[in-house]
Amino acid sequence: MSTSAARPPGEQRATAAQTLARSRSDLLRAEFPRFVAVGLVSSAVYGVIFMLLSSFTDAPHLVVNVVATADSAVLGNELHRRFTFRAGTPASVARGQATGLGMAAVGLVMSSLALTGWQWVAPDAGDVSSLLIAYGTNGLVGLANFATQHTVLRPRARPSGGR
């Protein structure tokens, strides 16, 4: 007689739920460090683009922010899809880019508002302080992006007995 047959049905379900929670926790522990690593890479790309454009053009920080966000978002989204969440199907390309670019748009709005506020508070602020304001804002949006991408790119459960 197996030990699971001796357990009441409620206990079996609790054990299955605990196993599912444990496997999700293990998955998050693996994904989150990869997400942070990709975030650091795409933030470095953002920073290089931001500083180069700020140094070699007369473009305002808001314009520089748009260009740097767009370029680093496309790179970051693809790295998250392939490396962080290991979503390799053709359908995941569209889902990952659409979701990531949507979150990049949220980040762009938030960082633009933060930069506008920063320029109002400190009109003579330099490039580095403006970059740090954008980094801080984008870091907060990045946490929401993790939850969103994790939900969109995780493998879909197949119905039992389905095709």
C-alpha atoms as a PDB file:
ATOM      1  CA  MET A   1       0.000   0.000   0.000  1.00  0.00           C
ATOM      2  CA  SER A   2       1.432   3.384  -0.911  1.00  0.00           C
ATOM      3  CA  THR A   3       1.687   6.158   1.642  1.00  0.00           C
ATOM      4  CA  SER A   4      -0.273   8.546  -0.561  1.00  0.00           C
ATOM      5  CA  ALA A   5      -3.276   6.173  -0.576  1.00  0.00           C
ATOM      6  CA  ALA A   6      -3.323   6.260   3.228  1.00  0.00           C
ATOM      7  CA  ARG A   7      -3.579  10.077   3.305  1.00  0.00           C
ATOM      8  CA  PRO A   8      -6.907  11.823   3.316  1.00  0.00           C
ATOM      9  CA  PRO A   9      -7.708  13.573  -0.026  1.00  0.00           C
ATOM     10  CA  GLY A  10      -7.235  17.067   1.490  1.00  0.00           C
ATOM     11  CA  GLU A  11      -3.663  16.232   2.481  1.00  0.00           C
ATOM     12  CA  GLN A  12      -2.857  14.979  -1.022  1.00  0.00           C
ATOM     13  CA  ARG A  13      -4.019  18.265  -2.525  1.00  0.00           C
ATOM     14  CA  ALA A  14      -2.014  20.273  -0.002  1.00  0.00           C
ATOM     15  CA  THR A  15       1.076  18.283  -0.910  1.00  0.00           C
ATOM     16  CA  ALA A  16       0.502  18.879  -4.626  1.00  0.00           C
ATOM     17  CA  ALA A  17      -0.032  22.601  -3.975  1.00  0.00           C
ATOM     18  CA  GLN A  18       3.147  22.735  -1.905  1.00  0.00           C
ATOM     19  CA  THR A  19       5.073  20.988  -4.683  1.00  0.00           C
ATOM     20  CA  LEU A  20       3.738  23.456  -7.234  1.00  0.00           C
ATOM     21  CA  ALA A  21       4.631  26.417  -4.995  1.00  0.00           C
ATOM     22  CA  ARG A  22       8.117  24.983  -4.463  1.00  0.00           C
ATOM     23  CA  SER A  23       8.704  24.520  -8.209  1.00  0.00           C
ATOM     24  CA  ARG A  24       7.516  28.095  -8.893  1.00  0.00           C
ATOM     25  CA  SER A  25       9.820  29.367  -6.162  1.00  0.00           C
ATOM     26  CA  ASP A  26      12.771  27.474  -7.671  1.00  0.00           C
ATOM     27  CA  LEU A  27      11.916  28.886 -11.088  1.00  0.00           C
ATOM     28  CA  LEU A  28      11.791  32.436  -9.718  1.00  0.00           C
ATOM     29  CA  ARG A  29      15.110  31.934  -7.943  1.00  0.00           C
ATOM     30  CA  ALA A  30      16.650  30.957 -11.286  1.00  0.00           C
ATOM     31  CA  GLU A  31      14.908  33.634 -13.367  1.00  0.00           C
ATOM     32  CA  PHE A  32      15.360  36.663 -11.133  1.00  0.00           C
ATOM     33  CA  PRO A  33      19.194  36.649 -11.113  1.00  0.00           C
ATOM     34  CA  ARG A  34      19.177  36.243 -14.915  1.00  0.00           C
ATOM     35  CA  PHE A  35      16.666  39.099 -15.157  1.00  0.00           C
ATOM     36  CA  VAL A  36      18.947  41.317 -13.072  1.00  0.00           C
ATOM     37  CA  ALA A  37      21.980  40.383 -15.199  1.00  0.00           C
ATOM     38  CA  VAL A  38      20.144  41.242 -18.426  1.00  0.00           C
ATOM     39  CA  GLY A  39      18.879  44.433 -16.794  1.00  0.00           C
ATOM     40  CA  LEU A  40      22.445  45.431 -15.958  1.00  0.00           C
ATOM     41  CA  VAL A  41      23.573  44.793 -19.547  1.00  0.00           C
ATOM     42  CA  SER A  42      20.709  46.748 -21.093  1.00  0.00           C
ATOM     43  CA  SER A  43      21.195  49.529 -18.509  1.00  0.00           C
ATOM     44  CA  ALA A  44      24.858  49.743 -19.486  1.00  0.00           C
ATOM     45  CA  VAL A  45      23.830  50.018 -23.148  1.00  0.00           C
ATOM     46  CA  TYR A  46      21.305  52.695 -22.169  1.00  0.00           C
ATOM     47  CA  GLY A  47      23.999  54.577 -20.228  1.00  0.00           C
ATOM     48  CA  VAL A  48      26.524  54.470 -23.068  1.00  0.00           C
ATOM     49  CA  ILE A  49      23.944  55.733 -25.576  1.00  0.00           C
ATOM     50  CA  PHE A  50      22.712  58.400 -23.134  1.00  0.00           C
ATOM     51  CA  MET A  51      26.205  59.712 -22.395  1.00  0.00           C
ATOM     52  CA  LEU A  52      27.364  59.592 -26.037  1.00  0.00           C
ATOM     53  CA  LEU A  53      24.330  61.471 -27.296  1.00  0.00           C
ATOM     54  CA  SER A  54      24.506  63.933 -24.409  1.00  0.00           C
ATOM     55  CA  SER A  55      28.200  64.559 -25.022  1.00  0.00           C
ATOM     56  CA  PHE A  56      28.212  64.826 -28.807  1.00  0.00           C
ATOM     57  CA  THR A  57      24.852  66.458 -29.537  1.00  0.00           C
ATOM     58  CA  ASP A  58      22.855  69.367 -28.217  1.00  0.00           C
ATOM     59  CA  ALA A  59      19.790  67.156 -27.828  1.00  0.00           C
ATOM     60  CA  PRO A  60      17.843  67.703 -24.600  1.00  0.00           C
ATOM     61  CA  HIS A  61      17.927  64.900 -22.045  1.00  0.00           C
ATOM     62  CA  LEU A  62      14.313  63.995 -22.823  1.00  0.00           C
ATOM     63  CA  VAL A  63      15.193  63.289 -26.486  1.00  0.00           C
ATOM     64  CA  VAL A  64      18.311  61.385 -25.484  1.00  0.00           C
ATOM     65  CA  ASN A  65      16.176  59.355 -23.059  1.00  0.00           C
ATOM     66  CA  VAL A  66      13.792  58.334 -25.878  1.00  0.00           C
ATOM     67  CA  VAL A  67      16.603  57.148 -28.159  1.00  0.00           C
ATOM     68  CA  ALA A  68      18.485  55.324 -25.392  1.00  0.00           C
ATOM     69  CA  THR A  69      15.298  53.696 -24.106  1.00  0.00           C
ATOM     70  CA  ALA A  70      14.229  52.474 -27.546  1.00  0.00           C
ATOM     71  CA  ASP A  71      17.615  50.966 -28.375  1.00  0.00           C
ATOM     72  CA  SER A  72      18.236  49.323 -25.013  1.00  0.00           C
ATOM     73  CA  ALA A  73      14.622  48.058 -24.774  1.00  0.00           C
ATOM     74  CA  VAL A  74      14.798  46.055 -27.991  1.00  0.00           C
ATOM     75  CA  LEU A  75      18.075  44.459 -26.879  1.00  0.00           C
ATOM     76  CA  GLY A  76      16.845  43.838 -23.326  1.00  0.00           C
ATOM     77  CA  ASN A  77      13.532  42.352 -24.464  1.00  0.00           C
ATOM     78  CA  GLU A  78      15.233  39.844 -26.720  1.00  0.00           C
ATOM     79  CA  LEU A  79      17.779  38.894 -24.056  1.00  0.00           C
ATOM     80  CA  HIS A  80      14.992  38.457 -21.489  1.00  0.00           C
ATOM     81  CA  ARG A  81      13.016  36.273 -23.878  1.00  0.00           C
ATOM     82  CA  ARG A  82      15.958  34.042 -24.761  1.00  0.00           C
ATOM     83  CA  PHE A  83      18.125  34.076 -21.640  1.00  0.00           C
ATOM     84  CA  THR A  84      15.989  35.056 -18.653  1.00  0.00           C
ATOM     85  CA  PHE A  85      12.767  33.208 -19.433  1.00  0.00           C
ATOM     86  CA  ARG A  86      14.138  30.756 -22.030  1.00  0.00           C
ATOM     87  CA  ALA A  87      11.133  31.248 -24.287  1.00  0.00           C
ATOM     88  CA  GLY A  88      12.298  29.976 -27.655  1.00  0.00           C
ATOM     89  CA  THR A  89       9.122  29.556 -29.661  1.00  0.00           C
ATOM     90  CA  PRO A  90       8.330  31.834 -32.618  1.00  0.00           C
ATOM     91  CA  ALA A  91       5.141  32.971 -30.859  1.00  0.00           C
ATOM     92  CA  SER A  92       7.195  34.102 -27.869  1.00  0.00           C
ATOM     93  CA  VAL A  93       9.047  36.630 -30.042  1.00  0.00           C
ATOM     94  CA  ALA A  94       5.915  38.681 -30.670  1.00  0.00           C
ATOM     95  CA  ARG A  95       4.624  38.265 -27.103  1.00  0.00           C
ATOM     96  CA  GLY A  96       7.980  39.103 -25.554  1.00  0.00           C
ATOM     97  CA  GLN A  97       8.667  42.138 -27.717  1.00  0.00           C
ATOM     98  CA  ALA A  98       5.108  43.475 -27.423  1.00  0.00           C
ATOM     99  CA  THR A  99       5.078  43.102 -23.643  1.00  0.00           C
ATOM    100  CA  GLY A 100       8.616  44.389 -23.237  1.00  0.00           C
ATOM    101  CA  LEU A 101       8.045  47.384 -25.488  1.00  0.00           C
ATOM    102  CA  GLY A 102       4.824  48.145 -23.626  1.00  0.00           C
ATOM    103  CA  MET A 103       6.731  48.156 -20.349  1.00  0.00           C
ATOM    104  CA  ALA A 104       9.496  50.208 -22.004  1.00  0.00           C
ATOM    105  CA  ALA A 105       6.828  52.762 -22.935  1.00  0.00           C
ATOM    106  CA  VAL A 106       5.718  52.885 -19.296  1.00  0.00           C
ATOM    107  CA  GLY A 107       9.360  53.293 -18.286  1.00  0.00           C
ATOM    108  CA  LEU A 108       9.861  56.010 -20.877  1.00  0.00           C
ATOM    109  CA  VAL A 109       6.879  57.985 -19.582  1.00  0.00           C
ATOM    110  CA  MET A 110       8.007  57.549 -15.973  1.00  0.00           C
ATOM    111  CA  SER A 111      11.650  58.445 -16.649  1.00  0.00           C
ATOM    112  CA  SER A 112      10.614  61.408 -18.810  1.00  0.00           C
ATOM    113  CA  LEU A 113       8.441  62.706 -15.982  1.00  0.00           C
ATOM    114  CA  ALA A 114      11.291  62.159 -13.519  1.00  0.00           C
ATOM    115  CA  LEU A 115      13.783  63.946 -15.814  1.00  0.00           C
ATOM    116  CA  THR A 116      11.363  66.843 -16.345  1.00  0.00           C
ATOM    117  CA  GLY A 117      10.929  67.152 -12.589  1.00  0.00           C
ATOM    118  CA  TRP A 118      14.680  66.915 -12.082  1.00  0.00           C
ATOM    119  CA  GLN A 119      15.326  69.652 -14.643  1.00  0.00           C
ATOM    120  CA  TRP A 120      12.740  71.827 -12.902  1.00  0.00           C
ATOM    121  CA  VAL A 121      14.297  71.246  -9.459  1.00  0.00           C
ATOM    122  CA  ALA A 122      17.915  71.418 -10.668  1.00  0.00           C
ATOM    123  CA  PRO A 123      17.996  73.320 -13.990  1.00  0.00           C
ATOM    124  CA  ASP A 124      21.798  73.171 -14.151  1.00  0.00           C
ATOM    125  CA  ALA A 125      21.954  69.432 -13.486  1.00  0.00           C
ATOM    126  CA  GLY A 126      24.598  67.622 -15.475  1.00  0.00           C
ATOM    127  CA  ASP A 127      24.444  64.539 -17.635  1.00  0.00           C
ATOM    128  CA  VAL A 128      25.497  62.110 -14.894  1.00  0.00           C
ATOM    129  CA  SER A 129      22.849  63.209 -12.387  1.00  0.00           C
ATOM    130  CA  SER A 130      20.186  63.047 -15.109  1.00  0.00           C
ATOM    131  CA  LEU A 131      21.369  59.552 -16.035  1.00  0.00           C
ATOM    132  CA  LEU A 132      21.111  58.494 -12.378  1.00  0.00           C
ATOM    133  CA  ILE A 133      17.543  59.823 -12.187  1.00  0.00           C
ATOM    134  CA  ALA A 134      16.638  57.805 -15.292  1.00  0.00           C
ATOM    135  CA  TYR A 135      18.387  54.705 -13.894  1.00  0.00           C
ATOM    136  CA  GLY A 136      16.485  54.917 -10.612  1.00  0.00           C
ATOM    137  CA  THR A 137      13.146  55.289 -12.338  1.00  0.00           C
ATOM    138  CA  ASN A 138      13.869  52.522 -14.836  1.00  0.00           C
ATOM    139  CA  GLY A 139      14.967  50.217 -12.019  1.00  0.00           C
ATOM    140  CA  LEU A 140      11.568  50.563 -10.349  1.00  0.00           C
ATOM    141  CA  VAL A 141       9.773  49.959 -13.648  1.00  0.00           C
ATOM    142  CA  GLY A 142      12.066  46.952 -14.168  1.00  0.00           C
ATOM    143  CA  LEU A 143      10.539  45.203 -11.155  1.00  0.00           C
ATOM    144  CA  ALA A 144       7.091  45.518 -12.705  1.00  0.00           C
ATOM    145  CA  ASN A 145       8.581  44.357 -16.018  1.00  0.00           C
ATOM    146  CA  PHE A 146       9.880  41.188 -14.354  1.00  0.00           C
ATOM    147  CA  ALA A 147       6.419  40.278 -13.079  1.00  0.00           C
ATOM    148  CA  THR A 148       4.844  41.072 -16.447  1.00  0.00           C
ATOM    149  CA  GLN A 149       7.419  39.199 -18.559  1.00  0.00           C
ATOM    150  CA  HIS A 150       7.370  36.243 -16.173  1.00  0.00           C
ATOM    151  CA  THR A 151       3.601  35.990 -16.615  1.00  0.00           C
ATOM    152  CA  VAL A 152       3.616  36.427 -20.400  1.00  0.00           C
ATOM    153  CA  LEU A 153       6.628  34.259 -21.270  1.00  0.00           C
ATOM    154  CA  ARG A 154       6.253  31.367 -18.842  1.00  0.00           C
ATOM    155  CA  PRO A 155       5.335  28.071 -20.486  1.00  0.00           C
ATOM    156  CA  ARG A 156       1.616  27.649 -20.806  1.00  0.00           C
ATOM    157  CA  ALA A 157       0.092  24.644 -19.030  1.00  0.00           C
ATOM    158  CA  ARG A 158      -1.445  22.153 -21.422  1.00  0.00           C
ATOM    159  CA  PRO A 159      -4.843  20.779 -20.523  1.00  0.00           C
ATOM    160  CA  SER A 160      -4.666  17.151 -19.432  1.00  0.00           C
ATOM    161  CA  GLY A 161      -5.825  14.828 -22.136  1.00  0.00           C
ATOM    162  CA  GLY A 162      -5.567  17.668 -24.677  1.00  0.00           C
ATOM    163  CA  ARG A 163      -3.561  17.832 -27.839  1.00  0.00           C
END
